[in-house]
């Protein structure tokens, strides 16, 4: 993966972490509510994985935000 793609993953993960913390949710709570594992949430927040649109939609649903808010990290 090129540096630009890695930068996007890191920015997305940072934004997810900020959104999660604003909702006062732990990684464990977010994982439980989305059906994902805590380890996977951790990897997303650390920019280690490129997640699917389906997962973005589910995370946004649990955080009660629009999916675009997770992608608004410029």
Protein backbone atom coordinates (compact mmCIF):
# COMPACT_ATOMS: atom_id res chain seq x y z
CA UNK A 1 0.00 0.00 0.00
CA UNK A 2 1.38 3.41 -0.86
CA UNK A 3 2.06 6.19 1.65
CA UNK A 4 -1.01 8.20 0.64
CA UNK A 5 -3.32 5.23 1.25
CA UNK A 6 -1.66 4.61 4.62
CA UNK A 7 -2.16 8.27 5.51
CA UNK A 8 -5.90 7.96 4.76
CA UNK A 9 -6.19 4.86 6.95
CA UNK A 10 -4.45 6.66 9.82
CA UNK A 11 -6.63 9.75 9.42
CA UNK A 12 -9.79 7.63 9.28
CA UNK A 13 -8.70 5.76 12.41
CA UNK A 14 -7.93 8.97 14.28
CA UNK A 15 -11.33 10.36 13.32
CA UNK A 16 -13.09 7.17 14.41
CA UNK A 17 -11.31 7.33 17.77
CA UNK A 18 -12.39 10.97 18.25
CA UNK A 19 -16.00 10.13 17.32
CA UNK A 20 -16.02 7.11 19.65
CA UNK A 21 -14.58 9.07 22.57
CA UNK A 22 -17.08 11.89 21.98
CA UNK A 23 -19.82 9.28 22.42
CA UNK A 24 -18.11 8.06 25.63
CA UNK A 25 -17.76 4.54 24.25
CA UNK A 26 -14.88 2.19 24.88
CA UNK A 27 -13.45 0.08 22.07
CA UNK A 28 -15.03 -2.91 23.79
CA UNK A 29 -18.47 -1.27 23.83
CA UNK A 30 -18.21 -0.24 20.17
CA UNK A 31 -17.10 -3.73 19.26
CA UNK A 32 -20.04 -5.30 21.09
CA UNK A 33 -22.58 -2.95 19.49
CA UNK A 34 -21.21 -3.42 15.96
CA UNK A 35 -20.51 -7.15 16.17
CA UNK A 36 -16.84 -6.53 15.39
CA UNK A 37 -14.01 -7.55 17.69
CA UNK A 38 -12.25 -5.11 19.99
CA UNK A 39 -8.99 -6.08 18.31
CA UNK A 40 -10.44 -5.13 14.91
CA UNK A 41 -11.66 -1.77 16.25
CA UNK A 42 -8.17 -1.19 17.64
CA UNK A 43 -6.58 -2.02 14.29
CA UNK A 44 -8.96 0.37 12.50
CA UNK A 45 -8.19 3.18 14.93
CA UNK A 46 -4.47 2.59 14.45
CA UNK A 47 -4.73 2.70 10.66
CA UNK A 48 -3.74 -0.94 10.23
CA UNK A 49 -6.73 -2.14 8.18
CA UNK A 50 -8.78 -0.90 5.26
CA UNK A 51 -12.35 -1.57 6.34
CA UNK A 52 -15.38 -2.19 4.17
CA UNK A 53 -18.25 0.15 3.47
CA UNK A 54 -20.52 -2.24 5.37
CA UNK A 55 -18.39 -1.82 8.49
CA UNK A 56 -18.30 1.96 8.08
CA UNK A 57 -22.10 1.99 7.87
CA UNK A 58 -22.45 -0.19 10.98
CA UNK A 59 -20.00 1.89 13.02
CA UNK A 60 -21.80 5.08 11.99
CA UNK A 61 -25.13 3.55 13.00
CA UNK A 62 -23.84 2.68 16.46
CA UNK A 63 -22.23 6.11 16.90
CA UNK A 64 -25.50 7.69 15.68
CA UNK A 65 -23.69 9.78 13.07
CA UNK A 66 -23.79 9.97 9.30
CA UNK A 67 -21.24 7.73 7.55
CA UNK A 68 -19.80 10.86 5.90
CA UNK A 69 -18.78 12.09 9.36
CA UNK A 70 -16.38 9.17 9.63
CA UNK A 71 -14.88 10.11 6.26
CA UNK A 72 -14.61 13.83 7.00
CA UNK A 73 -11.02 13.92 8.22
CA UNK A 74 -9.35 16.49 6.00
